[in-house]
């Protein structure tokens, strides 16, 4: 019998809590991933920076002398979204700015306060106000 209760006494496993099966599966996944974690992080960093090799060339300069030039030849271009994800994981996601059209509008000030925590709610409220 479960210790969580039933629908009448409102006891039960809290919403979002993991079951014992979920916890076991999570432990299996962690034990499989953990030995490869540093390599996976290094791979993500490489994808964010782009994968390239350096091509060395000797070219003639303006003065007629040979100059060594090193060019990066990308096999895979840098991936901005992966780089942004890694930065957000380390530093934290930056707060978004919202421009206010009506500076003395108390409703707009309230939207700014709400937007920090509940962006979709603030957007919905703003859309409803502009329709009226």
N, C-alpha and C. Protein backbone atom coordinates (compact mmCIF):
# COMPACT_ATOMS: atom_id res chain seq x y z
N UNK A 1 0.85 -1.19 0.00
CA UNK A 1 0.00 0.00 0.00
C UNK A 1 0.89 1.25 0.00
N UNK A 2 0.48 2.24 -0.69
CA UNK A 2 1.25 3.47 -0.83
C UNK A 2 1.12 4.35 0.40
N UNK A 3 2.20 5.02 0.74
CA UNK A 3 2.18 5.97 1.85
C UNK A 3 1.78 7.36 1.39
N UNK A 4 1.43 7.49 0.12
CA UNK A 4 1.18 8.81 -0.43
C UNK A 4 -0.25 9.31 -0.24
N UNK A 5 -1.18 8.46 0.11
CA UNK A 5 -2.55 8.91 0.32
C UNK A 5 -3.40 8.74 -0.92
N UNK A 6 -4.52 9.43 -0.95
CA UNK A 6 -5.42 9.31 -2.10
C UNK A 6 -5.96 10.68 -2.48
N UNK A 7 -6.93 10.70 -3.41
CA UNK A 7 -7.40 11.99 -3.91
C UNK A 7 -8.23 12.76 -2.89
N UNK A 8 -8.71 12.07 -1.84
CA UNK A 8 -9.56 12.76 -0.86
C UNK A 8 -8.77 13.48 0.21
N UNK A 9 -7.69 12.89 0.68
CA UNK A 9 -6.93 13.54 1.75
C UNK A 9 -5.74 14.34 1.22
N UNK A 10 -5.64 14.45 -0.08
CA UNK A 10 -4.65 15.31 -0.76
C UNK A 10 -3.21 14.96 -0.40
N UNK A 11 -3.00 13.78 0.15
CA UNK A 11 -1.63 13.34 0.37
C UNK A 11 -1.17 12.65 -0.90
N UNK A 12 0.08 12.55 -1.06
CA UNK A 12 0.59 11.86 -2.23
C UNK A 12 1.96 12.38 -2.59
N UNK A 13 2.52 11.77 -3.58
CA UNK A 13 3.82 12.20 -4.03
C UNK A 13 3.67 13.59 -4.61
N UNK A 14 4.47 14.53 -4.14
CA UNK A 14 4.36 15.91 -4.64
C UNK A 14 4.56 15.96 -6.15
N UNK A 15 3.89 16.88 -6.78
CA UNK A 15 3.99 17.06 -8.22
C UNK A 15 5.45 17.34 -8.59
N UNK A 16 5.95 16.61 -9.55
CA UNK A 16 7.32 16.80 -9.99
C UNK A 16 8.33 15.93 -9.25
N UNK A 17 7.91 15.28 -8.17
CA UNK A 17 8.82 14.41 -7.43
C UNK A 17 9.05 13.13 -8.24
N UNK A 18 10.25 12.59 -8.14
CA UNK A 18 10.58 11.39 -8.91
C UNK A 18 10.17 10.14 -8.16
N UNK A 19 9.67 9.15 -8.90
CA UNK A 19 9.33 7.86 -8.30
C UNK A 19 10.61 7.06 -8.10
N UNK A 20 10.52 5.94 -7.40
CA UNK A 20 11.70 5.12 -7.15
C UNK A 20 12.26 4.56 -8.47
N UNK A 21 11.38 4.24 -9.42
CA UNK A 21 11.83 3.75 -10.73
C UNK A 21 12.59 4.85 -11.46
N UNK A 22 12.06 6.07 -11.42
CA UNK A 22 12.73 7.20 -12.06
C UNK A 22 14.11 7.44 -11.44
N UNK A 23 14.19 7.34 -10.12
CA UNK A 23 15.47 7.55 -9.44
C UNK A 23 16.48 6.48 -9.83
N UNK A 24 16.04 5.22 -9.95
CA UNK A 24 16.92 4.14 -10.36
C UNK A 24 17.43 4.37 -11.78
N UNK A 25 16.53 4.76 -12.68
CA UNK A 25 16.92 5.02 -14.06
C UNK A 25 17.89 6.19 -14.13
N UNK A 26 17.67 7.18 -13.30
CA UNK A 26 18.57 8.34 -13.28
C UNK A 26 19.96 7.94 -12.80
N UNK A 27 20.02 7.07 -11.77
CA UNK A 27 21.32 6.61 -11.27
C UNK A 27 22.06 5.80 -12.33
N UNK A 28 21.35 4.97 -13.09
CA UNK A 28 21.97 4.20 -14.16
C UNK A 28 22.54 5.15 -15.20
N UNK A 29 21.75 6.15 -15.59
CA UNK A 29 22.21 7.12 -16.60
C UNK A 29 23.43 7.88 -16.11
N UNK A 30 23.41 8.32 -14.86
CA UNK A 30 24.54 9.08 -14.30
C UNK A 30 25.79 8.21 -14.27
N UNK A 31 25.65 6.95 -13.87
CA UNK A 31 26.83 6.07 -13.80
C UNK A 31 27.39 5.79 -15.19
N UNK A 32 26.55 5.78 -16.23
CA UNK A 32 27.03 5.56 -17.60
C UNK A 32 27.68 6.81 -18.17
N UNK A 33 27.14 7.98 -17.84
CA UNK A 33 27.62 9.23 -18.43
C UNK A 33 28.86 9.76 -17.72
N UNK A 34 28.94 9.56 -16.41
CA UNK A 34 29.99 10.17 -15.59
C UNK A 34 31.41 9.94 -16.11
N UNK A 35 31.79 8.72 -16.54
CA UNK A 35 33.16 8.54 -17.03
C UNK A 35 33.48 9.34 -18.30
N UNK A 36 32.45 9.70 -19.06
CA UNK A 36 32.65 10.40 -20.33
C UNK A 36 32.39 11.91 -20.23
N UNK A 37 32.07 12.39 -19.06
CA UNK A 37 31.60 13.76 -18.90
C UNK A 37 32.62 14.81 -19.37
N UNK A 38 33.87 14.66 -18.98
CA UNK A 38 34.88 15.66 -19.38
C UNK A 38 35.06 15.68 -20.89
N UNK A 39 35.07 14.52 -21.53
CA UNK A 39 35.19 14.46 -22.98
C UNK A 39 33.98 15.09 -23.67
N UNK A 40 32.79 14.88 -23.09
CA UNK A 40 31.58 15.47 -23.66
C UNK A 40 31.61 16.99 -23.55
N UNK A 41 32.07 17.49 -22.43
CA UNK A 41 32.18 18.93 -22.25
C UNK A 41 33.19 19.51 -23.24
N UNK A 42 34.33 18.82 -23.39
CA UNK A 42 35.34 19.28 -24.36
C UNK A 42 34.76 19.29 -25.77
N UNK A 43 33.96 18.29 -26.11
CA UNK A 43 33.33 18.24 -27.44
C UNK A 43 32.37 19.40 -27.64
N UNK A 44 31.60 19.72 -26.61
CA UNK A 44 30.68 20.85 -26.71
C UNK A 44 31.44 22.16 -26.91
N UNK A 45 32.55 22.29 -26.22
CA UNK A 45 33.37 23.50 -26.37
C UNK A 45 33.92 23.59 -27.79
N UNK A 46 34.37 22.44 -28.35
CA UNK A 46 34.87 22.43 -29.72
C UNK A 46 33.79 22.83 -30.71
N UNK A 47 32.57 22.32 -30.51
CA UNK A 47 31.47 22.67 -31.40
C UNK A 47 31.17 24.16 -31.30
N UNK A 48 31.21 24.70 -30.08
CA UNK A 48 30.94 26.13 -29.89
C UNK A 48 32.01 26.99 -30.57
N UNK A 49 33.26 26.57 -30.50
CA UNK A 49 34.35 27.33 -31.10
C UNK A 49 34.50 27.07 -32.59
N UNK A 50 33.99 25.94 -33.04
CA UNK A 50 34.17 25.56 -34.43
C UNK A 50 35.37 24.63 -34.56
N UNK A 51 35.30 23.74 -35.52
CA UNK A 51 36.39 22.80 -35.73
C UNK A 51 37.14 23.24 -36.98
N UNK A 52 38.43 23.49 -36.80
CA UNK A 52 39.23 24.02 -37.90
C UNK A 52 40.65 23.48 -37.84
N UNK A 53 41.36 23.66 -38.92
CA UNK A 53 42.79 23.40 -38.92
C UNK A 53 43.48 24.65 -39.44
N UNK A 54 44.75 24.78 -39.09
CA UNK A 54 45.50 25.96 -39.51
C UNK A 54 46.27 25.64 -40.78
N UNK A 55 46.06 26.47 -41.77
CA UNK A 55 46.72 26.32 -43.06
C UNK A 55 47.79 27.41 -43.17
N UNK A 56 49.03 26.95 -43.34
CA UNK A 56 50.15 27.90 -43.43
C UNK A 56 50.50 28.12 -44.90
N UNK A 57 50.64 29.38 -45.26
CA UNK A 57 50.98 29.75 -46.63
C UNK A 57 52.12 30.75 -46.63
N UNK A 58 52.90 30.71 -47.69
CA UNK A 58 53.89 31.75 -47.93
C UNK A 58 53.37 32.59 -49.08
N UNK A 59 53.17 33.87 -48.83
CA UNK A 59 52.69 34.75 -49.89
C UNK A 59 53.68 35.90 -50.07
N UNK A 60 53.60 36.50 -51.23
CA UNK A 60 54.46 37.65 -51.48
C UNK A 60 53.81 38.91 -50.92
N UNK A 61 54.55 39.65 -50.15
CA UNK A 61 54.04 40.88 -49.58
C UNK A 61 54.18 42.03 -50.57
N UNK A 62 53.81 43.22 -50.14
CA UNK A 62 53.90 44.41 -51.01
C UNK A 62 55.34 44.76 -51.37
N UNK A 63 56.23 44.42 -50.44
CA UNK A 63 57.64 44.75 -50.69
C UNK A 63 58.36 43.65 -51.47
N UNK A 64 57.65 42.60 -51.88
CA UNK A 64 58.23 41.54 -52.68
C UNK A 64 58.85 40.42 -51.86
N UNK A 65 58.80 40.51 -50.55
CA UNK A 65 59.36 39.46 -49.70
C UNK A 65 58.26 38.46 -49.34
N UNK A 66 58.69 37.22 -49.09
CA UNK A 66 57.73 36.19 -48.69
C UNK A 66 57.34 36.40 -47.22
N UNK A 67 56.05 36.23 -46.99
CA UNK A 67 55.53 36.33 -45.61
C UNK A 67 54.75 35.07 -45.30
N UNK A 68 54.90 34.60 -44.06
CA UNK A 68 54.12 33.43 -43.63
C UNK A 68 52.77 33.90 -43.12
N UNK A 69 51.72 33.27 -43.64
CA UNK A 69 50.35 33.60 -43.24
C UNK A 69 49.69 32.32 -42.74
N UNK A 70 49.05 32.43 -41.60
CA UNK A 70 48.33 31.28 -41.04
C UNK A 70 46.84 31.59 -41.12
N UNK A 71 46.10 30.73 -41.83
CA UNK A 71 44.65 30.91 -41.98
C UNK A 71 43.94 29.76 -41.28
N UNK A 72 42.81 30.09 -40.69
CA UNK A 72 41.95 29.05 -40.11
C UNK A 72 41.00 28.56 -41.19
N UNK A 73 41.02 27.28 -41.45
CA UNK A 73 40.10 26.68 -42.40
C UNK A 73 39.12 25.84 -41.60
N UNK A 74 37.87 26.29 -41.58
CA UNK A 74 36.86 25.64 -40.75
C UNK A 74 36.29 24.42 -41.45
N UNK A 75 36.28 23.30 -40.72
CA UNK A 75 35.58 22.11 -41.17
C UNK A 75 34.13 22.18 -40.68
N UNK A 76 33.95 22.76 -39.51
CA UNK A 76 32.62 23.04 -38.97
C UNK A 76 32.64 24.44 -38.40
N UNK A 77 31.69 25.27 -38.82
CA UNK A 77 31.64 26.64 -38.33
C UNK A 77 31.26 26.67 -36.85
N UNK A 78 31.68 27.72 -36.13
CA UNK A 78 31.28 27.85 -34.73
C UNK A 78 29.76 27.86 -34.59
N UNK A 79 29.27 27.21 -33.55
CA UNK A 79 27.84 27.13 -33.30
C UNK A 79 27.50 28.08 -32.16
N UNK A 80 26.86 29.18 -32.49
CA UNK A 80 26.56 30.23 -31.51
C UNK A 80 25.62 29.74 -30.42
N UNK A 81 24.62 28.93 -30.78
CA UNK A 81 23.65 28.49 -29.78
C UNK A 81 24.30 27.57 -28.74
N UNK A 82 25.24 26.72 -29.16
CA UNK A 82 25.94 25.86 -28.20
C UNK A 82 26.81 26.72 -27.29
N UNK A 83 27.49 27.70 -27.87
CA UNK A 83 28.30 28.61 -27.06
C UNK A 83 27.47 29.36 -26.04
N UNK A 84 26.30 29.86 -26.47
CA UNK A 84 25.41 30.59 -25.57
C UNK A 84 24.91 29.68 -24.46
N UNK A 85 24.59 28.43 -24.79
CA UNK A 85 24.13 27.46 -23.80
C UNK A 85 25.21 27.23 -22.74
N UNK A 86 26.45 27.03 -23.18
CA UNK A 86 27.54 26.79 -22.23
C UNK A 86 27.77 28.00 -21.33
N UNK A 87 27.72 29.18 -21.91
CA UNK A 87 27.90 30.40 -21.10
C UNK A 87 26.77 30.52 -20.08
N UNK A 88 25.53 30.26 -20.51
CA UNK A 88 24.39 30.34 -19.59
C UNK A 88 24.50 29.33 -18.47
N UNK A 89 25.07 28.16 -18.75
CA UNK A 89 25.23 27.15 -17.71
C UNK A 89 26.26 27.57 -16.67
N UNK A 90 27.28 28.26 -17.11
CA UNK A 90 28.36 28.66 -16.20
C UNK A 90 28.02 29.96 -15.48
N UNK A 91 27.58 30.96 -16.23
CA UNK A 91 27.35 32.29 -15.66
C UNK A 91 25.91 32.49 -15.21
N UNK A 92 24.98 31.89 -15.92
CA UNK A 92 23.56 32.11 -15.66
C UNK A 92 22.95 32.88 -16.81
N UNK A 93 21.67 32.66 -17.01
CA UNK A 93 20.98 33.31 -18.13
C UNK A 93 20.78 34.79 -17.81
N UNK A 94 21.11 35.67 -18.75
CA UNK A 94 20.92 37.09 -18.50
C UNK A 94 19.45 37.47 -18.47
N UNK A 95 19.12 38.47 -17.69
CA UNK A 95 17.74 38.95 -17.65
C UNK A 95 17.45 39.72 -18.92
N UNK A 96 16.21 39.58 -19.39
CA UNK A 96 15.82 40.26 -20.63
C UNK A 96 15.35 41.67 -20.32
N UNK A 97 15.62 42.56 -21.26
CA UNK A 97 15.18 43.94 -21.12
C UNK A 97 13.88 44.13 -21.89
N UNK A 98 13.02 44.99 -21.38
CA UNK A 98 11.76 45.27 -22.06
C UNK A 98 11.64 46.77 -22.22
N UNK A 99 11.40 47.19 -23.44
CA UNK A 99 11.23 48.62 -23.69
C UNK A 99 9.81 49.02 -23.33
N UNK A 100 9.68 50.19 -22.71
CA UNK A 100 8.37 50.69 -22.30
C UNK A 100 8.04 51.90 -23.14
N UNK A 101 6.88 51.85 -23.79
CA UNK A 101 6.48 52.96 -24.64
C UNK A 101 5.91 54.12 -23.81
N UNK A 102 5.18 53.79 -22.76
CA UNK A 102 4.54 54.81 -21.92
C UNK A 102 5.22 54.80 -20.55
N UNK A 103 6.10 55.76 -20.34
CA UNK A 103 6.90 55.75 -19.11
C UNK A 103 6.08 55.99 -17.86
N UNK A 104 5.00 56.75 -17.92
CA UNK A 104 4.22 57.04 -16.73
C UNK A 104 3.00 56.14 -16.59
N UNK A 105 2.96 55.05 -17.32
CA UNK A 105 1.84 54.12 -17.30
C UNK A 105 2.06 53.10 -16.18
N UNK A 106 1.22 53.10 -15.13
CA UNK A 106 1.39 52.14 -14.03
C UNK A 106 1.23 50.69 -14.49
N UNK A 107 0.40 50.47 -15.52
CA UNK A 107 0.22 49.11 -16.04
C UNK A 107 1.53 48.61 -16.65
N UNK A 108 2.24 49.50 -17.36
CA UNK A 108 3.52 49.13 -17.97
C UNK A 108 4.55 48.81 -16.90
N UNK A 109 4.56 49.57 -15.80
CA UNK A 109 5.50 49.31 -14.70
C UNK A 109 5.21 47.95 -14.07
N UNK A 110 3.93 47.60 -13.93
CA UNK A 110 3.55 46.30 -13.39
C UNK A 110 4.03 45.19 -14.32
N UNK A 111 3.89 45.40 -15.63
CA UNK A 111 4.34 44.40 -16.59
C UNK A 111 5.84 44.14 -16.48
N UNK A 112 6.59 45.20 -16.24
CA UNK A 112 8.04 45.05 -16.10
C UNK A 112 8.36 44.17 -14.90
N UNK A 113 7.66 44.38 -13.80
CA UNK A 113 7.90 43.57 -12.60
C UNK A 113 7.51 42.12 -12.85
N UNK A 114 6.39 41.90 -13.52
CA UNK A 114 5.92 40.53 -13.78
C UNK A 114 6.84 39.83 -14.77
N UNK A 115 7.32 40.54 -15.77
CA UNK A 115 8.08 39.93 -16.86
C UNK A 115 9.33 39.23 -16.37
N UNK A 116 9.95 39.73 -15.33
CA UNK A 116 11.15 39.09 -14.81
C UNK A 116 10.92 37.66 -14.40
N UNK A 117 9.75 37.36 -13.83
CA UNK A 117 9.49 36.02 -13.34
C UNK A 117 8.53 35.24 -14.23
N UNK A 118 7.58 35.93 -14.84
CA UNK A 118 6.54 35.25 -15.62
C UNK A 118 6.41 35.93 -16.97
N UNK A 119 7.35 35.66 -17.85
CA UNK A 119 7.42 36.34 -19.15
C UNK A 119 6.16 36.12 -19.98
N UNK A 120 5.69 34.87 -20.08
CA UNK A 120 4.54 34.59 -20.93
C UNK A 120 3.27 35.27 -20.41
N UNK A 121 3.12 35.36 -19.09
CA UNK A 121 1.96 36.04 -18.51
C UNK A 121 2.00 37.53 -18.84
N UNK A 122 3.17 38.13 -18.73
CA UNK A 122 3.31 39.56 -19.03
C UNK A 122 3.01 39.83 -20.50
N UNK A 123 3.49 38.96 -21.38
CA UNK A 123 3.22 39.13 -22.81
C UNK A 123 1.72 39.03 -23.09
N UNK A 124 1.07 38.07 -22.44
CA UNK A 124 -0.37 37.89 -22.63
C UNK A 124 -1.15 39.11 -22.14
N UNK A 125 -0.79 39.63 -20.97
CA UNK A 125 -1.46 40.81 -20.43
C UNK A 125 -1.27 42.00 -21.35
N UNK A 126 -0.04 42.17 -21.88
CA UNK A 126 0.24 43.30 -22.77
C UNK A 126 -0.60 43.19 -24.04
N UNK A 127 -0.68 41.99 -24.62
CA UNK A 127 -1.46 41.81 -25.84
C UNK A 127 -2.95 42.11 -25.60
N UNK A 128 -3.46 41.67 -24.45
CA UNK A 128 -4.88 41.92 -24.14
C UNK A 128 -5.14 43.40 -23.96
N UNK A 129 -4.19 44.15 -23.36
CA UNK A 129 -4.38 45.57 -23.15
C UNK A 129 -4.37 46.32 -24.48
N UNK A 130 -3.48 45.91 -25.39
CA UNK A 130 -3.38 46.62 -26.65
C UNK A 130 -4.59 46.34 -27.55
N UNK A 131 -5.29 45.24 -27.33
CA UNK A 131 -6.48 44.93 -28.12
C UNK A 131 -7.69 45.78 -27.70
N UNK A 132 -7.69 46.19 -26.40
CA UNK A 132 -8.84 46.94 -25.87
C UNK A 132 -8.86 48.37 -26.36
